[in-house]
N, C-alpha and C. Protein backbone atom coordinates (compact mmCIF):
# COMPACT_ATOMS: atom_id res chain seq x y z
N UNK A 1 0.44 -0.98 0.36
CA UNK A 1 0.16 -0.08 -0.15
C UNK A 1 0.44 1.19 0.07
N UNK A 2 0.00 2.41 -0.96
CA UNK A 2 1.13 3.13 -0.89
C UNK A 2 -0.16 4.98 -0.47
N UNK A 3 1.37 6.55 -0.11
CA UNK A 3 -0.08 6.88 -0.58
C UNK A 3 -0.69 7.37 -1.29
N UNK A 4 -1.19 8.54 -1.60
CA UNK A 4 -1.44 9.10 -2.94
C UNK A 4 -0.14 9.43 -3.18
N UNK A 5 0.18 10.82 -2.34
CA UNK A 5 1.10 12.09 -2.59
C UNK A 5 2.16 10.50 -2.13
N UNK A 6 3.74 11.06 -2.24
CA UNK A 6 4.93 10.84 -1.60
C UNK A 6 5.90 12.08 -1.71
N UNK A 7 6.63 11.85 -0.34
CA UNK A 7 7.32 13.25 -0.09
C UNK A 7 7.98 13.18 0.18
N UNK A 8 9.46 13.70 -0.29
CA UNK A 8 10.36 14.15 -0.01
C UNK A 8 11.55 15.53 -0.25
N UNK A 9 12.23 15.90 0.62
CA UNK A 9 12.83 17.17 1.42
C UNK A 9 13.65 18.00 0.04
N UNK A 10 13.22 18.82 0.13
CA UNK A 10 13.62 19.88 -1.51
C UNK A 10 14.59 20.50 -1.12
N UNK A 11 15.00 20.93 -2.15
CA UNK A 11 16.29 21.47 -1.33
C UNK A 11 16.52 22.69 -0.40
N UNK A 12 15.74 23.36 -0.42
CA UNK A 12 15.99 24.43 0.67
C UNK A 12 16.00 23.60 2.53
N UNK A 13 15.68 21.89 2.36
CA UNK A 13 15.13 21.46 3.66
C UNK A 13 13.75 21.69 4.07
N UNK A 14 13.16 21.65 3.49
CA UNK A 14 11.54 22.06 3.02
C UNK A 14 10.74 20.25 2.33
N UNK A 15 9.89 19.99 2.78
CA UNK A 15 9.17 19.35 2.37
C UNK A 15 8.10 19.68 1.39
N UNK A 16 8.22 18.17 0.65
CA UNK A 16 7.87 18.97 -1.34
C UNK A 16 7.09 17.53 -1.11
N UNK A 17 6.43 17.95 -2.50
CA UNK A 17 6.35 16.62 -3.23
C UNK A 17 7.07 16.30 -4.13
N UNK A 18 7.28 14.58 -3.80
CA UNK A 18 8.04 13.94 -4.58
C UNK A 18 7.93 13.18 -5.58
N UNK A 19 6.31 12.28 -5.56
CA UNK A 19 6.06 12.05 -6.85
C UNK A 19 3.86 11.79 -6.61
N UNK A 20 3.37 12.00 -7.45
CA UNK A 20 2.16 11.77 -7.01
C UNK A 20 1.74 10.45 -7.95
N UNK A 21 1.30 9.81 -7.24
CA UNK A 21 0.81 8.20 -7.24
C UNK A 21 -0.98 7.69 -8.08
N UNK A 22 -1.60 9.10 -7.17
CA UNK A 22 -3.29 9.45 -7.97
C UNK A 22 -3.09 10.40 -8.58
N UNK A 23 -3.12 10.04 -10.37
CA UNK A 23 -3.93 11.00 -11.01
C UNK A 23 -5.00 11.91 -10.78
N UNK A 24 -6.03 11.91 -9.92
CA UNK A 24 -6.45 12.58 -9.85
C UNK A 24 -6.58 13.83 -9.16
N UNK A 25 -5.06 13.62 -8.50
CA UNK A 25 -5.02 14.56 -7.51
C UNK A 25 -3.50 15.79 -8.92
N UNK A 26 -3.72 15.42 -10.04
CA UNK A 26 -2.81 16.03 -10.61
C UNK A 26 -2.77 17.16 -11.10
N UNK A 27 -4.67 18.11 -11.61
CA UNK A 27 -5.34 18.91 -11.84
C UNK A 27 -4.65 19.73 -10.45
N UNK A 28 -4.58 19.58 -9.40
CA UNK A 28 -4.19 20.21 -7.96
C UNK A 28 -3.84 20.44 -6.97
N UNK A 29 -2.16 19.69 -7.54
CA UNK A 29 -1.22 19.66 -7.01
C UNK A 29 0.33 18.77 -7.86
N UNK A 30 1.65 19.14 -8.05
CA UNK A 30 2.27 18.97 -8.35
C UNK A 30 3.94 18.54 -8.15
N UNK A 31 4.41 17.79 -8.37
CA UNK A 31 6.33 17.40 -8.07
C UNK A 31 6.65 19.10 -7.64
N UNK A 32 7.10 19.05 -6.57
CA UNK A 32 8.09 20.09 -6.41
C UNK A 32 6.97 21.13 -5.27
N UNK A 33 5.52 21.24 -5.23
CA UNK A 33 4.64 22.00 -4.14
C UNK A 33 5.39 21.74 -2.58
N UNK A 34 5.35 22.30 -2.00
CA UNK A 34 5.33 22.62 -0.53
C UNK A 34 4.51 22.12 0.44
N UNK A 35 4.29 20.59 0.80
CA UNK A 35 3.63 20.22 2.09
C UNK A 35 4.36 20.71 3.16
N UNK A 36 3.01 21.50 3.67
CA UNK A 36 3.31 22.97 4.52
C UNK A 36 2.14 21.62 5.91
N UNK A 37 1.06 21.10 5.44
CA UNK A 37 0.45 20.32 6.84
C UNK A 37 0.22 18.83 6.64
N UNK A 38 -0.25 18.16 6.95
CA UNK A 38 -0.90 16.71 7.05
C UNK A 38 -1.82 16.49 8.84
N UNK A 39 -2.88 17.13 8.03
CA UNK A 39 -3.47 16.46 9.14
C UNK A 39 -3.96 18.02 10.09
N UNK A 40 -3.39 17.56 11.30
CA UNK A 40 -3.20 18.54 12.57
C UNK A 40 -1.61 19.57 12.70
N UNK A 41 -1.22 18.33 11.86
CA UNK A 41 0.31 18.49 12.04
C UNK A 41 1.20 19.58 10.93
N UNK A 42 1.62 20.65 11.24
CA UNK A 42 2.42 21.57 10.46
C UNK A 42 3.70 21.03 10.60
N UNK A 43 4.39 21.59 9.06
CA UNK A 43 5.39 20.68 8.22
C UNK A 43 6.30 21.70 8.02
N UNK A 44 6.07 23.17 8.31
CA UNK A 44 6.13 24.20 7.34
C UNK A 44 8.71 24.27 8.02
N UNK A 45 8.20 23.89 9.38
CA UNK A 45 9.48 23.71 10.13
C UNK A 45 9.04 22.13 10.51
N UNK A 46 10.18 21.86 10.47
CA UNK A 46 9.58 20.15 11.28
C UNK A 46 10.90 19.35 11.32
N UNK A 47 11.32 18.28 12.09
CA UNK A 47 12.38 18.21 12.58
C UNK A 47 12.18 16.45 11.80
N UNK A 48 13.64 16.65 10.62
CA UNK A 48 13.63 15.59 9.72
C UNK A 48 13.28 14.33 10.51
N UNK A 49 14.40 14.02 11.84
CA UNK A 49 14.15 12.55 12.59
C UNK A 49 13.90 12.00 13.14
N UNK A 50 12.73 12.99 14.00
CA UNK A 50 11.20 13.37 14.14
C UNK A 50 10.61 12.96 13.90
N UNK A 51 10.78 12.83 11.90
CA UNK A 51 9.58 12.60 11.11
C UNK A 51 9.49 10.72 11.56
N UNK A 52 11.30 10.57 11.09
CA UNK A 52 11.48 9.27 10.79
C UNK A 52 10.78 8.20 11.87
N UNK A 53 10.88 8.96 13.13
CA UNK A 53 10.63 8.12 14.18
C UNK A 53 8.98 8.72 14.95
N UNK A 54 8.27 9.46 14.23
CA UNK A 54 7.00 9.41 14.23
C UNK A 54 6.83 9.57 13.71
N UNK A 55 6.65 8.64 13.33
CA UNK A 55 5.15 8.99 11.15
C UNK A 55 3.97 9.74 11.66
N UNK A 56 3.26 10.90 11.17
CA UNK A 56 2.78 11.73 11.39
C UNK A 56 1.44 10.75 11.18
N UNK A 57 1.13 9.70 10.26
CA UNK A 57 0.42 9.35 9.59
C UNK A 57 0.43 7.78 10.00
N UNK A 58 0.70 7.43 10.84
CA UNK A 58 0.91 5.79 11.26
C UNK A 58 0.40 4.87 10.89
N UNK A 59 -1.59 4.19 11.50
CA UNK A 59 -2.08 3.74 10.79
C UNK A 59 -3.18 4.41 10.09
N UNK A 60 -3.20 5.10 9.32
CA UNK A 60 -4.40 6.08 9.33
C UNK A 60 -4.28 5.58 7.73
N UNK A 61 -5.52 5.38 7.29
CA UNK A 61 -5.61 4.68 5.75
C UNK A 61 -6.03 6.15 5.20
N UNK A 62 -6.72 7.27 5.08
CA UNK A 62 -6.50 8.91 5.08
C UNK A 62 -6.04 9.73 5.77
N UNK A 63 -5.65 10.86 5.44
CA UNK A 63 -5.86 12.67 5.94
C UNK A 63 -6.19 13.23 5.00
N UNK A 64 -5.80 14.46 5.09
CA UNK A 64 -5.87 15.50 4.68
C UNK A 64 -5.04 16.39 4.14
N UNK A 65 -4.16 16.54 3.35
CA UNK A 65 -2.71 17.40 3.20
C UNK A 65 -2.69 19.12 2.42
N UNK A 66 -2.19 20.02 3.59
CA UNK A 66 -2.34 21.52 3.05
C UNK A 66 -0.71 21.23 2.29
N UNK A 67 -1.05 21.58 0.67
CA UNK A 67 0.14 21.88 0.07
C UNK A 67 -0.17 23.47 -0.42
N UNK A 68 1.69 24.19 -0.40
CA UNK A 68 1.69 25.39 -0.74
C UNK A 68 2.27 25.10 -2.32
N UNK A 69 1.45 25.50 -3.19
CA UNK A 69 2.06 25.79 -5.11
C UNK A 69 2.90 26.43 -5.57
N UNK A 70 3.39 26.12 -6.48
CA UNK A 70 4.86 26.67 -7.33
C UNK A 70 4.69 28.22 -6.96
N UNK A 71 3.20 28.29 -7.49
CA UNK A 71 2.78 29.49 -7.62
C UNK A 71 2.42 30.43 -5.75
N UNK A 72 2.45 29.80 -5.29
CA UNK A 72 2.08 30.61 -4.24
C UNK A 72 0.19 30.45 -3.11
N UNK A 73 0.11 29.65 -4.48
CA UNK A 73 -1.47 29.54 -3.62
C UNK A 73 -1.95 28.43 -3.13
N UNK A 74 -2.20 27.82 -1.85
CA UNK A 74 -1.93 27.37 -1.06
C UNK A 74 -3.41 26.51 -1.02
N UNK A 75 -3.49 24.52 -1.09
CA UNK A 75 -4.98 23.82 -1.34
C UNK A 75 -4.64 22.82 -0.43
N UNK A 76 -5.43 22.24 -0.17
CA UNK A 76 -5.70 21.04 0.82
C UNK A 76 -6.27 19.84 -0.08
N UNK A 77 -6.21 18.75 -0.07
CA UNK A 77 -6.06 17.88 -0.61
C UNK A 77 -6.21 16.78 -0.07
N UNK A 78 -7.01 15.68 -0.76
CA UNK A 78 -7.33 14.04 0.62
C UNK A 78 -6.67 13.44 0.33
N UNK A 79 -5.64 12.72 1.42
CA UNK A 79 -4.74 11.48 0.70
C UNK A 79 -5.49 10.70 0.88
N UNK A 80 -4.75 9.30 0.66
CA UNK A 80 -5.06 8.32 0.84
C UNK A 80 -4.77 6.65 0.78
N UNK A 81 -3.79 5.70 1.98
CA UNK A 81 -3.30 5.01 1.18
C UNK A 81 -4.46 3.34 0.22
N UNK A 82 -3.33 3.12 -0.72
CA UNK A 82 -4.48 1.98 -1.06
C UNK A 82 -3.16 2.04 -2.57
N UNK A 83 -3.66 0.21 -2.99
CA UNK A 83 -2.41 0.01 -3.90
C UNK A 83 -2.66 -0.15 -4.60
N UNK A 84 -1.29 0.80 -5.82
CA UNK A 84 -1.29 1.62 -6.86
C UNK A 84 -0.93 0.84 -7.64
């Protein structure tokens, strides 16, 4: 099972979208957009080691993610964990 969006660490140390698996999300976000929160957890400033040791999503199978597009627009998308 995989999440609809796969994050990666961007060049400025920000969490960005590295891959979009869910085709229906491609008209809302794109690779390189900044992930600013997942659920209630802000990711604008974060400790990378803490993210590795304490996964935000845990056993959840769906969540809301706020993303700052390259244009500056902030959008909220629903992500889910499923087989792609």
